[in-house]
Amino acid sequence: MSSWFMYVVRCCDGSLYTGITTDVDRRVYEHNYTQRAARYTRARRPVKLMYSTDFPDRSSASKAEVKFKRLSRQEKEAAIDCEAT
């Protein structure tokens, strides 16, 4: 059984992009170098991984993604800073 991850990247314009994947390193590479990147990040390269956390299944990761996306910008930055320390 594979783990799923919720991840947050910072785009070159300072904006944040949140997604889910089974392989964070591959997904960040795709965001930076391939056409498999989300349209949003293709226009804002390069991106830098700011945060990731694992979940036992896709459903849990998706729920965490939705919850994170509902936060204000300030709350998102605080959450990222909290996890980085």
C-alpha atoms as a PDB file:
ATOM      1  CA  MET A   1       0.000   0.000   0.000  1.00  0.00           C
ATOM      2  CA  SER A   2       1.497   3.317  -1.038  1.00  0.00           C
ATOM      3  CA  SER A   3       1.460   6.525   0.948  1.00  0.00           C
ATOM      4  CA  TRP A   4      -0.059   9.708  -0.380  1.00  0.00           C
ATOM      5  CA  PHE A   5       1.385  13.130   0.294  1.00  0.00           C
ATOM      6  CA  MET A   6      -0.006  16.626   0.447  1.00  0.00           C
ATOM      7  CA  TYR A   7       2.611  19.124  -0.638  1.00  0.00           C
ATOM      8  CA  VAL A   8       3.000  22.891  -0.926  1.00  0.00           C
ATOM      9  CA  VAL A   9       5.359  24.600  -3.343  1.00  0.00           C
ATOM     10  CA  ARG A  10       6.258  28.275  -3.585  1.00  0.00           C
ATOM     11  CA  CYS A  11       6.256  29.633  -7.116  1.00  0.00           C
ATOM     12  CA  CYS A  12       8.753  32.199  -8.391  1.00  0.00           C
ATOM     13  CA  ASP A  13       6.138  34.959  -7.951  1.00  0.00           C
ATOM     14  CA  GLY A  14       5.770  34.070  -4.253  1.00  0.00           C
ATOM     15  CA  SER A  15       2.387  32.369  -4.618  1.00  0.00           C
ATOM     16  CA  LEU A  16       1.693  28.971  -3.085  1.00  0.00           C
ATOM     17  CA  TYR A  17       0.427  25.874  -4.891  1.00  0.00           C
ATOM     18  CA  THR A  18      -0.941  22.860  -3.016  1.00  0.00           C
ATOM     19  CA  GLY A  19      -1.418  19.368  -4.394  1.00  0.00           C
ATOM     20  CA  ILE A  20      -1.342  15.661  -3.615  1.00  0.00           C
ATOM     21  CA  THR A  21       0.846  12.906  -5.030  1.00  0.00           C
ATOM     22  CA  THR A  22       2.419   9.536  -4.271  1.00  0.00           C
ATOM     23  CA  ASP A  23       5.939  10.801  -5.100  1.00  0.00           C
ATOM     24  CA  VAL A  24       6.800  14.337  -3.990  1.00  0.00           C
ATOM     25  CA  ASP A  25      10.236  14.517  -5.645  1.00  0.00           C
ATOM     26  CA  ARG A  26       8.836  13.404  -9.004  1.00  0.00           C
ATOM     27  CA  ARG A  27       5.953  15.862  -8.769  1.00  0.00           C
ATOM     28  CA  VAL A  28       8.171  18.834  -7.928  1.00  0.00           C
ATOM     29  CA  TYR A  29      10.405  17.864 -10.872  1.00  0.00           C
ATOM     30  CA  GLU A  30       7.327  17.771 -13.119  1.00  0.00           C
ATOM     31  CA  HIS A  31       6.244  21.202 -11.888  1.00  0.00           C
ATOM     32  CA  ASN A  32       9.661  22.612 -12.753  1.00  0.00           C
ATOM     33  CA  TYR A  33      10.630  20.864 -15.980  1.00  0.00           C
ATOM     34  CA  THR A  34       7.811  19.065 -17.791  1.00  0.00           C
ATOM     35  CA  GLN A  35       4.480  19.668 -19.465  1.00  0.00           C
ATOM     36  CA  ARG A  36       2.869  17.427 -16.817  1.00  0.00           C
ATOM     37  CA  ALA A  37       3.012  20.379 -14.444  1.00  0.00           C
ATOM     38  CA  ALA A  38      -0.186  22.093 -13.435  1.00  0.00           C
ATOM     39  CA  ARG A  39      -1.010  24.987 -15.743  1.00  0.00           C
ATOM     40  CA  TYR A  40      -0.703  27.311 -12.733  1.00  0.00           C
ATOM     41  CA  THR A  41       2.886  26.300 -11.966  1.00  0.00           C
ATOM     42  CA  ARG A  42       4.015  26.090 -15.615  1.00  0.00           C
ATOM     43  CA  ALA A  43       3.554  29.854 -15.793  1.00  0.00           C
ATOM     44  CA  ARG A  44       5.341  30.446 -12.468  1.00  0.00           C
ATOM     45  CA  ARG A  45       8.526  28.399 -12.646  1.00  0.00           C
ATOM     46  CA  PRO A  46      10.710  27.576 -10.854  1.00  0.00           C
ATOM     47  CA  VAL A  47       8.878  26.199  -7.830  1.00  0.00           C
ATOM     48  CA  LYS A  48      10.408  25.205  -4.514  1.00  0.00           C
ATOM     49  CA  LEU A  49       9.037  22.586  -2.144  1.00  0.00           C
ATOM     50  CA  MET A  50       8.030  24.253   1.117  1.00  0.00           C
ATOM     51  CA  TYR A  51       6.148  21.497   2.915  1.00  0.00           C
ATOM     52  CA  SER A  52       4.946  17.927   2.568  1.00  0.00           C
ATOM     53  CA  THR A  53       3.269  15.431   4.839  1.00  0.00           C
ATOM     54  CA  ASP A  54       2.175  11.846   4.309  1.00  0.00           C
ATOM     55  CA  PHE A  55      -1.211  10.179   4.644  1.00  0.00           C
ATOM     56  CA  PRO A  56      -2.281   6.526   4.538  1.00  0.00           C
ATOM     57  CA  ASP A  57      -4.600   6.993   1.562  1.00  0.00           C
ATOM     58  CA  ARG A  58      -5.661   9.354  -1.205  1.00  0.00           C
ATOM     59  CA  SER A  59      -8.860  10.342   0.549  1.00  0.00           C
ATOM     60  CA  SER A  60      -7.029  11.596   3.647  1.00  0.00           C
ATOM     61  CA  ALA A  61      -4.535  13.525   1.519  1.00  0.00           C
ATOM     62  CA  SER A  62      -7.346  15.130  -0.502  1.00  0.00           C
ATOM     63  CA  LYS A  63      -9.189  16.174   2.644  1.00  0.00           C
ATOM     64  CA  ALA A  64      -6.022  17.758   4.040  1.00  0.00           C
ATOM     65  CA  GLU A  65      -5.458  19.571   0.731  1.00  0.00           C
ATOM     66  CA  VAL A  66      -8.971  21.050   0.791  1.00  0.00           C
ATOM     67  CA  LYS A  67      -8.559  22.075   4.424  1.00  0.00           C
ATOM     68  CA  PHE A  68      -5.216  23.766   3.673  1.00  0.00           C
ATOM     69  CA  LYS A  69      -6.588  25.567   0.609  1.00  0.00           C
ATOM     70  CA  ARG A  70      -9.365  27.076   2.740  1.00  0.00           C
ATOM     71  CA  LEU A  71      -6.842  28.799   5.012  1.00  0.00           C
ATOM     72  CA  SER A  72      -6.014  32.469   4.528  1.00  0.00           C
ATOM     73  CA  ARG A  73      -2.644  33.349   3.055  1.00  0.00           C
ATOM     74  CA  GLN A  74      -1.412  34.363   6.500  1.00  0.00           C
ATOM     75  CA  GLU A  75      -2.555  31.061   8.020  1.00  0.00           C
ATOM     76  CA  LYS A  76      -0.870  29.093   5.224  1.00  0.00           C
ATOM     77  CA  GLU A  77       2.424  30.920   5.761  1.00  0.00           C
ATOM     78  CA  ALA A  78       2.206  30.321   9.527  1.00  0.00           C
ATOM     79  CA  ALA A  79       1.518  26.603   8.981  1.00  0.00           C
ATOM     80  CA  ILE A  80       4.505  26.289   6.645  1.00  0.00           C
ATOM     81  CA  ASP A  81       6.769  28.211   9.055  1.00  0.00           C
ATOM     82  CA  CYS A  82       5.612  26.060  11.987  1.00  0.00           C
ATOM     83  CA  GLU A  83       6.466  22.838  10.170  1.00  0.00           C
ATOM     84  CA  ALA A  84       9.845  24.145   8.965  1.00  0.00           C
ATOM     85  CA  THR A  85      11.126  24.757  12.494  1.00  0.00           C
END
